[in-house]
Amino acid sequence: MFIYYSSMEHISENDWNILKLLAEDPSITTTQIAHILGVSRQAVSKRIKRLKEKGFLRKYVYLDILSMITLTKRFKIYIKEDSLELIKEVFKYLSSSWRIVAFWTLNRNTIEGIVLIDNTETFKRMLIDEFPFISRVEVEAIRIWKLLGGAVKEADWDIMYKIAKNEATKIFKSKSVKAVLYKIDLEDNVISLLVIRDNRLTRYGEIRINRTVKNTCLTLTYTTYSLLKEKIRRKFGRMSLKGYKLLRARDVRDARRIKRFLRLVSHL
């Protein structure tokens, strides 16, 4: 279910941050939100209750269209045989995911649609594993040049790097942050920041947040050294880390540690 709000001026900054966290991961717990925002779990629960009462939050889903532009992908699912029953079975599955924006049939053995994802391989593997009768899944990026009557502007590298530095400065106000890595994609107008935190936060897993800053999509991934070590053991995990560079480190020790890690990733 998608909820789109045209006016958000009546909520506080903390309320807005809660909405953004829930938009990225509707299954995120109040404890995780409290830790990210630096407030108590009880405070988060009260804010979520108030947001529900005011109608700003329904079923933990909020859709910020602009922040999702670069995640938009078109997919095609090919069924091994012509079967309306098999098509309906896949339809039921697709309907349960809030990331599926729309889908339709081209014929009795092909489904096409729009999905909001960044990892296409995971999406394809998930469908093929779930449905043995799917022969293959194709996914391609969509470049949106106009949305709701306005052009989607592209930023140059210097502007995007400045945005990344400003965000890193804000992030480092938290003492648990050890380093921030960045990756800039000019073609898709995306800044990816990898925020490495204290290993004590490993139990919360990776948390990802997408938002828009000056018409540029900003993706924040909160992780730890331990989680990164686990990721580089997997092929898709290593691929997702390619291209990152060190933006800022807490101290010399952390800077050296990150540089060693980046060298390891580049040679795998």
Protein backbone atom coordinates (compact mmCIF):
# COMPACT_ATOMS: atom_id res chain seq x y z
CA MET A 1 0.00 0.00 0.00
CA PHE A 2 1.41 3.40 -0.99
CA ILE A 3 0.65 6.52 1.04
CA TYR A 4 1.56 9.86 -0.53
CA TYR A 5 1.35 13.08 1.49
CA SER A 6 1.31 16.44 -0.22
CA SER A 7 1.82 18.44 2.99
CA MET A 8 4.25 17.55 5.79
CA GLU A 9 4.75 20.96 7.41
CA HIS A 10 2.85 20.03 10.59
CA ILE A 11 5.28 17.38 11.82
CA SER A 12 8.62 17.73 13.59
CA GLU A 13 12.06 16.79 12.29
CA ASN A 14 12.09 13.62 14.41
CA ASP A 15 8.68 12.62 13.06
CA TRP A 16 9.95 13.16 9.52
CA ASN A 17 13.05 11.04 10.23
CA ILE A 18 10.85 8.23 11.57
CA LEU A 19 8.76 8.31 8.39
CA LYS A 20 11.88 8.11 6.23
CA LEU A 21 13.19 5.10 8.18
CA LEU A 22 9.86 3.30 7.90
CA ALA A 23 9.65 4.11 4.19
CA GLU A 24 12.97 2.39 3.54
CA ASP A 25 12.25 -0.63 5.76
CA PRO A 26 8.65 -1.09 6.98
CA SER A 27 9.84 -4.01 9.17
CA ILE A 28 12.33 -1.89 11.14
CA THR A 29 11.74 -2.08 14.92
CA THR A 30 11.18 0.81 17.30
CA THR A 31 14.43 -0.17 19.05
CA GLN A 32 16.39 0.20 15.80
CA ILE A 33 14.77 3.56 15.06
CA ALA A 34 15.51 4.77 18.58
CA HIS A 35 19.17 3.82 18.25
CA ILE A 36 19.58 5.58 14.88
CA LEU A 37 17.87 8.78 16.07
CA GLY A 38 19.45 8.75 19.53
CA VAL A 39 16.17 8.78 21.46
CA SER A 40 14.35 6.29 23.70
CA ARG A 41 12.23 3.45 22.36
CA GLN A 42 9.25 4.78 24.31
CA ALA A 43 9.60 8.16 22.58
CA VAL A 44 9.60 6.48 19.16
CA SER A 45 6.51 4.44 20.03
CA LYS A 46 4.64 7.58 21.13
CA ARG A 47 5.59 9.43 17.94
CA ILE A 48 4.50 6.53 15.73
CA LYS A 49 1.17 6.38 17.58
CA ARG A 50 0.67 10.12 17.10
CA LEU A 51 1.57 9.93 13.39
CA LYS A 52 -1.04 7.20 12.95
CA GLU A 53 -3.68 9.24 14.76
CA LYS A 54 -2.97 12.28 12.58
CA GLY A 55 -3.16 10.19 9.41
CA PHE A 56 0.47 10.72 8.38
CA LEU A 57 1.30 7.03 8.77
CA ARG A 58 -0.66 3.98 7.68
CA LYS A 59 0.66 0.43 7.76
CA TYR A 60 4.23 1.77 8.14
CA VAL A 61 4.51 2.78 4.49
CA TYR A 62 5.28 6.26 3.19
CA LEU A 63 6.23 6.83 -0.43
CA ASP A 64 8.52 9.73 -1.30
CA ILE A 65 8.41 9.52 -5.10
CA LEU A 66 11.48 11.63 -5.79
CA SER A 67 13.75 9.55 -3.55
CA MET A 68 12.66 6.41 -5.43
CA ILE A 69 13.33 7.66 -8.97
CA THR A 70 16.72 5.99 -9.35
CA LEU A 71 15.43 2.73 -7.84
CA THR A 72 12.80 2.36 -10.55
CA LYS A 73 13.31 -0.74 -12.69
CA ARG A 74 11.22 -2.46 -15.35
CA PHE A 75 10.99 -6.24 -15.14
CA LYS A 76 9.78 -9.07 -17.36
CA ILE A 77 8.93 -12.51 -16.00
CA TYR A 78 8.79 -15.41 -18.45
CA ILE A 79 6.68 -18.47 -17.55
CA LYS A 80 7.76 -21.84 -19.00
CA GLU A 81 4.27 -22.63 -20.29
CA ASP A 82 1.09 -20.78 -21.25
CA SER A 83 -0.99 -20.91 -18.09
CA LEU A 84 -3.41 -18.38 -16.65
CA GLU A 85 -3.30 -20.20 -13.29
CA LEU A 86 0.49 -19.82 -13.04
CA ILE A 87 0.17 -16.15 -14.00
CA LYS A 88 -2.37 -15.63 -11.20
CA GLU A 89 -0.06 -17.36 -8.72
CA VAL A 90 2.76 -14.92 -9.53
CA PHE A 91 0.30 -12.00 -9.47
CA LYS A 92 -0.68 -12.89 -5.91
CA TYR A 93 2.95 -12.90 -4.85
CA LEU A 94 3.73 -9.57 -6.55
CA SER A 95 0.69 -7.95 -4.96
CA SER A 96 2.09 -8.64 -1.48
CA SER A 97 5.21 -6.49 -2.00
CA TRP A 98 5.05 -2.72 -1.52
CA ARG A 99 8.11 -2.39 -3.81
CA ILE A 100 6.09 -3.54 -6.83
CA VAL A 101 4.58 -0.35 -8.25
CA ALA A 102 2.57 -1.98 -11.08
CA PHE A 103 2.45 -5.13 -13.19
CA TRP A 104 0.52 -6.48 -16.18
CA THR A 105 0.48 -9.35 -18.66
CA LEU A 106 1.82 -9.16 -22.20
CA ASN A 107 0.46 -12.62 -23.03
CA ARG A 108 -0.31 -15.91 -21.25
CA ASN A 109 3.31 -16.57 -20.31
CA THR A 110 4.86 -13.12 -19.78
CA ILE A 111 4.42 -10.62 -16.95
CA GLU A 112 5.85 -7.10 -17.10
CA GLY A 113 5.95 -4.46 -14.40
CA ILE A 114 7.72 -1.72 -12.43
CA VAL A 115 9.63 -2.36 -9.20
CA LEU A 116 11.59 -0.17 -6.74
CA ILE A 117 14.88 -1.98 -6.08
CA ASP A 118 18.62 -1.39 -6.19
CA ASN A 119 19.84 -5.02 -6.22
CA THR A 120 18.47 -6.56 -9.40
CA GLU A 121 20.22 -9.91 -8.98
CA THR A 122 18.61 -10.52 -5.60
CA PHE A 123 15.19 -9.71 -7.05
CA LYS A 124 15.65 -12.12 -9.97
CA ARG A 125 17.02 -14.91 -7.79
CA MET A 126 14.14 -14.50 -5.31
CA LEU A 127 11.49 -14.97 -8.03
CA ILE A 128 13.19 -17.94 -9.68
CA ASP A 129 13.70 -19.68 -6.32
CA GLU A 130 10.08 -19.05 -5.32
CA PHE A 131 8.54 -20.25 -8.59
CA PRO A 132 10.23 -23.21 -10.40
CA PHE A 133 7.98 -22.64 -13.42
CA ILE A 134 9.64 -19.25 -14.16
CA SER A 135 12.19 -19.71 -16.96
CA ARG A 136 13.91 -16.33 -16.60
CA VAL A 137 13.56 -12.79 -15.25
CA GLU A 138 14.85 -9.67 -17.01
CA VAL A 139 15.37 -6.36 -15.17
CA GLU A 140 16.49 -3.05 -16.63
CA ALA A 141 16.85 0.47 -15.23
CA ILE A 142 14.45 3.21 -16.26
CA ARG A 143 15.74 6.77 -16.66
CA ILE A 144 12.96 9.18 -15.68
CA TRP A 145 13.32 12.60 -17.30
CA LYS A 146 10.01 14.08 -16.23
CA LEU A 147 7.83 13.52 -13.18
CA LEU A 148 4.54 15.23 -12.29
CA GLY A 149 5.10 18.04 -14.77
CA GLY A 150 8.67 18.83 -13.74
CA ALA A 151 12.00 17.83 -15.21
CA VAL A 152 14.31 15.65 -13.13
CA LYS A 153 17.48 17.69 -12.93
CA GLU A 154 20.95 16.18 -12.92
CA ALA A 155 23.72 17.46 -10.64
CA ASP A 156 27.40 17.64 -11.58
CA TRP A 157 30.13 15.80 -9.68
CA ASP A 158 31.28 18.78 -7.58
CA ILE A 159 27.78 19.49 -6.33
CA MET A 160 27.20 15.85 -5.49
CA TYR A 161 30.54 15.58 -3.68
CA LYS A 162 29.67 18.66 -1.61
CA ILE A 163 26.35 17.08 -0.67
CA ALA A 164 28.18 13.91 0.38
CA LYS A 165 30.62 15.90 2.57
CA ASN A 166 27.81 17.84 4.23
CA GLU A 167 25.94 14.63 5.01
CA ALA A 168 29.10 13.06 6.43
CA THR A 169 29.54 16.04 8.77
CA LYS A 170 26.03 15.51 10.13
CA ILE A 171 26.53 11.75 10.43
CA PHE A 172 29.76 12.15 12.43
CA LYS A 173 27.87 13.89 15.24
CA SER A 174 27.12 10.35 16.38
CA LYS A 175 30.10 8.95 18.31
CA SER A 176 29.29 5.42 17.18
CA VAL A 177 30.29 6.29 13.58
CA LYS A 178 33.79 5.12 12.66
CA ALA A 179 33.95 6.03 8.96
CA VAL A 180 31.90 7.12 5.96
CA LEU A 181 32.54 5.84 2.43
CA TYR A 182 31.00 7.35 -0.68
CA LYS A 183 30.19 6.48 -4.27
CA ILE A 184 28.84 8.93 -6.87
CA ASP A 185 26.86 7.80 -9.89
CA LEU A 186 26.53 10.78 -12.25
CA GLU A 187 24.47 8.92 -14.83
CA ASP A 188 21.73 7.94 -12.37
CA ASN A 189 22.21 11.03 -10.17
CA VAL A 190 22.80 8.96 -7.03
CA ILE A 191 25.07 9.44 -4.02
CA SER A 192 25.68 6.28 -1.97
CA LEU A 193 27.09 6.66 1.55
CA LEU A 194 28.30 3.66 3.52
CA VAL A 195 28.23 4.54 7.22
CA ILE A 196 30.42 2.22 9.30
CA ARG A 197 29.53 2.12 12.97
CA ASP A 198 30.79 0.45 16.13
CA ASN A 199 30.72 -3.37 16.04
CA ARG A 200 28.44 -3.36 19.09
CA LEU A 201 25.63 -2.36 16.70
CA THR A 202 26.10 -5.47 14.51
CA ARG A 203 23.02 -7.08 16.06
CA TYR A 204 20.81 -4.48 14.35
CA GLY A 205 21.96 -5.59 10.89
CA GLU A 206 22.32 -3.28 7.89
CA ILE A 207 19.83 -0.42 7.69
CA ARG A 208 19.28 1.50 4.47
CA ILE A 209 17.64 4.90 4.02
CA ASN A 210 16.79 6.64 0.73
CA ARG A 211 15.98 10.33 0.51
CA THR A 212 16.33 13.29 -1.83
CA VAL A 213 18.79 16.18 -1.35
CA LYS A 214 18.74 18.99 -3.93
CA ASN A 215 17.14 16.79 -6.59
CA THR A 216 19.78 14.10 -5.99
CA CYS A 217 18.98 10.66 -4.62
CA LEU A 218 20.96 9.95 -1.44
CA THR A 219 21.29 6.36 -0.23
CA LEU A 220 22.57 5.83 3.32
CA THR A 221 23.59 2.33 4.37
CA TYR A 222 24.39 1.87 8.07
CA THR A 223 26.69 -1.10 8.69
CA THR A 224 29.63 -2.27 10.85
CA TYR A 225 33.08 -3.74 10.26
CA SER A 226 31.77 -7.20 11.19
CA LEU A 227 28.91 -6.98 8.70
CA LEU A 228 31.29 -5.83 5.96
CA LYS A 229 33.54 -8.84 6.57
CA GLU A 230 30.54 -11.13 6.13
CA LYS A 231 29.53 -9.30 2.95
CA ILE A 232 32.87 -9.69 1.16
CA ARG A 233 32.63 -13.45 1.58
CA ARG A 234 29.69 -13.42 -0.84
CA LYS A 235 29.99 -12.64 -4.56
CA PHE A 236 27.04 -10.24 -4.68
CA GLY A 237 28.21 -8.62 -1.46
CA ARG A 238 31.63 -7.87 -2.97
CA MET A 239 30.02 -6.49 -6.13
CA SER A 240 27.89 -4.09 -4.10
CA LEU A 241 31.02 -2.64 -2.43
CA LYS A 242 32.90 -1.93 -5.66
CA GLY A 243 33.62 1.74 -6.37
CA TYR A 244 33.40 3.07 -2.80
CA LYS A 245 36.02 5.56 -1.58
CA LEU A 246 36.85 6.85 1.88
CA LEU A 247 35.17 10.19 2.61
CA ARG A 248 35.90 10.60 6.31
CA ALA A 249 37.25 8.53 9.20
CA ARG A 250 37.07 8.97 12.97
CA ASP A 251 40.84 8.71 13.40
CA VAL A 252 44.03 7.49 11.69
CA ARG A 253 43.45 3.92 12.83
CA ASP A 254 40.00 3.80 11.23
CA ALA A 255 41.34 5.42 8.05
CA ARG A 256 44.03 2.76 7.70
CA ARG A 257 41.55 0.00 8.41
CA ILE A 258 39.17 1.25 5.70
CA LYS A 259 41.96 1.65 3.14
CA ARG A 260 43.06 -1.96 3.74
CA PHE A 261 39.47 -3.08 3.37
CA LEU A 262 39.04 -1.17 0.08
CA ARG A 263 42.25 -2.65 -1.32
CA LEU A 264 40.97 -6.12 -0.43
CA VAL A 265 37.64 -5.50 -2.19
CA SER A 266 39.36 -4.20 -5.34
CA HIS A 267 41.43 -7.38 -5.66
CA LEU A 268 38.60 -9.87 -5.08
